[in-house]
């Protein structure tokens, strides 16, 4: 099945908005329950490449797990990025949501109506 993949949290209002926008535009997608099917370090690394982002840029640093790990004080550099990725894998609730993996090989963090419009546009709908 073609169509984008949504890293989805069912209780997240931004994820619900993304699903509704894609449904309305009739864009096919599949849901990845990333909290119960956490991504591997390789998958997180690939998503970061597709987003052109660094691990700390998709980290929900306000979450309790981030505070417990002391992530606010972690360096944000090449040497520590693997540590950030490992934390995202171990604590998937730290991953910003929703992440849309588009058919064109790109990805978006779709937290705004503008990002959702861009996802629909890139899907060719």
Protein backbone atom coordinates (compact mmCIF):
# COMPACT_ATOMS: atom_id res chain seq x y z
CA UNK A 1 0.00 0.00 0.00
CA UNK A 2 1.33 3.39 -0.88
CA UNK A 3 0.71 6.44 1.22
CA UNK A 4 2.51 8.18 3.95
CA UNK A 5 3.17 6.83 7.39
CA UNK A 6 2.08 8.74 10.50
CA UNK A 7 3.91 8.18 13.76
CA UNK A 8 0.69 8.37 15.72
CA UNK A 9 -0.27 8.73 19.36
CA UNK A 10 -4.04 8.06 19.58
CA UNK A 11 -4.46 10.43 22.54
CA UNK A 12 -2.65 13.35 20.85
CA UNK A 13 -4.83 16.18 19.51
CA UNK A 14 -2.18 17.13 16.90
CA UNK A 15 -2.19 13.54 15.62
CA UNK A 16 -5.99 13.61 15.43
CA UNK A 17 -5.82 16.86 13.44
CA UNK A 18 -3.31 15.30 11.04
CA UNK A 19 -5.52 12.23 10.49
CA UNK A 20 -8.57 14.45 9.90
CA UNK A 21 -6.73 16.67 7.39
CA UNK A 22 -5.41 13.69 5.46
CA UNK A 23 -8.81 11.98 5.52
CA UNK A 24 -10.47 15.14 4.22
CA UNK A 25 -7.92 15.39 1.39
CA UNK A 26 -8.26 11.63 0.74
CA UNK A 27 -4.55 11.08 1.22
CA UNK A 28 -3.84 7.42 2.01
CA UNK A 29 -1.76 6.76 5.09
CA UNK A 30 -0.91 4.06 7.55
CA UNK A 31 -0.56 4.57 11.26
CA UNK A 32 2.53 3.62 13.23
CA UNK A 33 1.73 3.29 16.93
CA UNK A 34 5.24 4.42 17.81
CA UNK A 35 4.58 4.28 21.56
CA UNK A 36 3.82 0.54 21.44
CA UNK A 37 6.01 -0.18 18.37
CA UNK A 38 9.01 2.02 19.16
CA UNK A 39 11.37 2.84 16.32
CA UNK A 40 14.89 1.48 16.26
CA UNK A 41 17.92 3.75 16.43
CA UNK A 42 18.32 3.22 12.66
CA UNK A 43 14.71 4.28 12.06
CA UNK A 44 15.10 7.42 14.19
CA UNK A 45 18.34 8.24 12.35
CA UNK A 46 16.57 7.81 8.99
CA UNK A 47 13.66 10.03 10.09
CA UNK A 48 16.13 12.70 11.22
CA UNK A 49 17.79 12.53 7.79
CA UNK A 50 14.41 12.88 6.08
CA UNK A 51 13.46 15.80 8.34
CA UNK A 52 16.91 17.39 7.97
CA UNK A 53 16.84 17.71 11.75
CA UNK A 54 18.90 16.84 14.78
CA UNK A 55 17.67 14.50 17.52
CA UNK A 56 17.16 17.27 20.09
CA UNK A 57 14.97 19.16 17.59
CA UNK A 58 12.34 16.39 17.69
CA UNK A 59 12.64 15.73 21.43
CA UNK A 60 9.78 16.70 23.73
CA UNK A 61 12.09 18.00 26.46
CA UNK A 62 9.15 19.00 28.68
CA UNK A 63 8.12 15.39 29.23
CA UNK A 64 8.76 13.77 32.66
CA UNK A 65 11.16 11.22 31.13
CA UNK A 66 13.31 14.04 29.73
CA UNK A 67 13.43 15.71 33.13
CA UNK A 68 14.28 12.40 34.82
CA UNK A 69 17.17 11.91 32.37
CA UNK A 70 18.39 15.48 32.82
CA UNK A 71 18.20 16.06 29.06
CA UNK A 72 17.96 19.86 29.42
CA UNK A 73 21.64 19.78 30.38
CA UNK A 74 22.80 17.39 27.64
CA UNK A 75 25.16 18.86 25.04
CA UNK A 76 23.70 19.30 21.58
CA UNK A 77 26.53 18.25 19.32
CA UNK A 78 27.66 15.47 17.00
CA UNK A 79 29.34 13.54 19.82
CA UNK A 80 26.20 13.32 21.95
CA UNK A 81 23.59 12.88 19.22
CA UNK A 82 23.72 9.05 19.55
CA UNK A 83 22.84 9.49 23.24
CA UNK A 84 19.81 11.59 22.26
CA UNK A 85 18.74 8.99 19.69
CA UNK A 86 19.10 6.19 22.25
CA UNK A 87 16.88 8.16 24.66
CA UNK A 88 14.22 8.62 21.96
CA UNK A 89 14.25 4.87 21.28
CA UNK A 90 14.10 3.97 24.98
CA UNK A 91 11.41 6.59 25.70
CA UNK A 92 9.36 7.01 22.50
CA UNK A 93 6.99 9.42 24.29
CA UNK A 94 9.84 11.93 23.90
CA UNK A 95 9.46 11.93 20.10
CA UNK A 96 7.67 14.99 18.76
CA UNK A 97 4.39 14.14 17.08
CA UNK A 98 2.95 13.62 14.63
CA UNK A 99 5.79 12.82 12.27
CA UNK A 100 4.65 12.18 8.71
CA UNK A 101 6.89 10.09 6.45
CA UNK A 102 5.99 11.08 2.91
CA UNK A 103 6.15 9.00 -0.25
CA UNK A 104 8.64 11.45 -1.80
CA UNK A 105 11.26 10.47 0.78
CA UNK A 106 10.83 13.56 2.92
CA UNK A 107 9.23 13.91 6.33
CA UNK A 108 7.42 16.59 8.30
CA UNK A 109 6.57 17.26 11.92
CA UNK A 110 2.94 18.14 11.29
CA UNK A 111 2.00 20.23 14.31
CA UNK A 112 0.58 23.20 12.38
CA UNK A 113 -2.12 23.60 9.72
CA UNK A 114 0.62 24.88 7.38
CA UNK A 115 2.64 21.69 7.80
CA UNK A 116 -0.47 19.60 7.14
CA UNK A 117 -1.22 21.62 4.00
CA UNK A 118 2.36 21.00 2.87
CA UNK A 119 1.98 17.25 3.48
CA UNK A 120 -1.19 17.16 1.38
CA UNK A 121 0.51 19.22 -1.34
CA UNK A 122 3.54 16.91 -1.43
CA UNK A 123 1.26 13.87 -1.61
CA UNK A 124 -0.01 15.17 -4.95
CA UNK A 125 -3.65 15.49 -3.79
